[in-house]
Amino acid sequence: QVQLVESGGGLVQPGGSLRLSCSASSFALDYFAIGWFRQAPGKEREAVACISQSDTTTYYADSVKGRFIISRDTVKNTVYLHMNSLRPEDTAVYSCAAGPEQSSMQATIAIMKLGNYWGRGTQVTVSS
């Protein structure tokens, strides 16, 4: 099973910033669209951000628009999620997933959710 590895989570105060990383050692992320998802206790997993294979298209959930940025570093084979102005409601386990790009970002995200290219997640806690 292909596995992704997330890092960069932790405890941060409201208004603070974190940068999450998603990497893979056994395959090139360049061939896939990459998405970041989060799941808080008692809530369903939600897509937070997604970047297309070509890096020309991005998706952000309304709750994070203007605060989070997804980016890709091809040389380092890593996709980042830059999180700014963090709020307590951003507290969750954040996971990344890879999937083949579809005709729309929504379709791409749906395919990712059904696939096997997932990391185990990293905890982000926003609290004073």
Foldseek 3Di string as FASTA:
>chain_A
DFEKAKDWADEAAAQAKIKMKIAGDPDALLQWKKWKWWDDPPDDIDTAKIAGSVRPDMDGDPVQPPFWDWDDDRVRSMIMIIGGRDDQVVWTWMKMFTAHDDPDVVVRVVRRVVDDYIYPTDTHGYHD
